[in-house]
Amino acid sequence: MDQPLRKWLAARLKSQRQLLGMTQAVVAERCGICTRYYQKLEKGLVNASLDVALRLAHVLAFSLDAYHNETGD
């Protein structure tokens, strides 16, 4: 995952989580990942596998296609 995509995902995770009123722990649990890993994803410190990114998008109700729509990349 390249840095612009990682930063976009981090920002999207945080904004969607807050919009839905969920805690980091709840999102992590619903995605089957540990809370610490989710926190690192939300800060843009680590990459997400495609599987994890898809689970996050499902739980937080957004499309990964939005990256291309919003950035043109």
Protein backbone atom coordinates (compact mmCIF):
# COMPACT_ATOMS: atom_id res chain seq x y z
CA MET A 1 0.00 0.00 0.00
CA ASP A 2 1.51 3.32 -0.99
CA GLN A 3 1.73 6.24 1.41
CA PRO A 4 -1.06 8.39 -0.14
CA LEU A 5 -3.44 5.43 0.03
CA ARG A 6 -2.40 4.63 3.60
CA LYS A 7 -2.99 8.25 4.66
CA TRP A 8 -6.34 8.37 2.86
CA LEU A 9 -7.43 5.14 4.55
CA ALA A 10 -6.33 6.43 7.96
CA ALA A 11 -8.37 9.61 7.57
CA ARG A 12 -11.39 7.69 6.24
CA LEU A 13 -11.27 5.19 9.11
CA LYS A 14 -11.30 7.92 11.72
CA SER A 15 -13.98 10.07 10.09
CA GLN A 16 -16.33 7.14 9.40
CA ARG A 17 -15.81 5.66 12.87
CA GLN A 18 -16.64 8.98 14.50
CA LEU A 19 -19.59 9.55 12.18
CA LEU A 20 -21.01 6.19 13.21
CA GLY A 21 -20.30 6.82 16.90
CA MET A 22 -18.11 3.74 17.26
CA THR A 23 -15.04 3.29 19.43
CA GLN A 24 -11.76 1.97 18.07
CA ALA A 25 -12.24 -1.16 20.14
CA VAL A 26 -15.67 -1.86 18.66
CA VAL A 27 -14.42 -1.44 15.08
CA ALA A 28 -11.45 -3.68 15.77
CA GLU A 29 -13.62 -6.38 17.34
CA ARG A 30 -16.10 -6.35 14.46
CA CYS A 31 -13.22 -6.65 11.98
CA GLY A 32 -11.49 -9.43 13.91
CA ILE A 33 -8.29 -7.46 14.53
CA CYS A 34 -6.68 -6.23 17.72
CA THR A 35 -7.40 -2.71 18.92
CA ARG A 36 -3.73 -1.70 18.87
CA TYR A 37 -3.43 -2.68 15.21
CA TYR A 38 -6.57 -0.68 14.40
CA GLN A 39 -5.15 2.34 16.23
CA LYS A 40 -1.99 2.11 14.11
CA LEU A 41 -4.09 1.87 10.95
CA GLU A 42 -6.09 4.93 11.95
CA LYS A 43 -2.87 6.87 12.52
CA GLY A 44 -1.48 5.75 9.17
CA LEU A 45 1.47 3.98 10.76
CA VAL A 46 0.93 0.55 9.20
CA ASN A 47 -0.48 -0.91 6.02
CA ALA A 48 -3.68 -2.92 5.89
CA SER A 49 -3.91 -6.11 3.90
CA LEU A 50 -6.62 -6.16 1.25
CA ASP A 51 -8.64 -8.53 3.43
CA VAL A 52 -8.47 -6.22 6.45
CA ALA A 53 -9.18 -3.12 4.32
CA LEU A 54 -12.29 -4.79 2.91
CA ARG A 55 -13.50 -5.79 6.39
CA LEU A 56 -12.92 -2.24 7.64
CA ALA A 57 -14.82 -0.77 4.69
CA HIS A 58 -17.72 -3.14 5.35
CA VAL A 59 -17.89 -2.42 9.09
CA LEU A 60 -17.56 1.34 8.59
CA ALA A 61 -19.88 1.46 5.57
CA PHE A 62 -17.63 2.98 2.94
CA SER A 63 -16.23 1.88 -0.40
CA LEU A 64 -12.55 1.52 -1.16
CA ASP A 65 -13.43 2.81 -4.64
CA ALA A 66 -13.90 6.21 -3.01
CA TYR A 67 -10.11 6.59 -2.98
CA HIS A 68 -10.02 6.71 -6.76
CA ASN A 69 -13.12 8.91 -6.93
CA GLU A 70 -11.73 11.41 -4.43
CA THR A 71 -8.08 11.47 -5.50
CA GLY A 72 -8.22 10.57 -9.17
CA ASP A 73 -5.41 8.04 -8.58
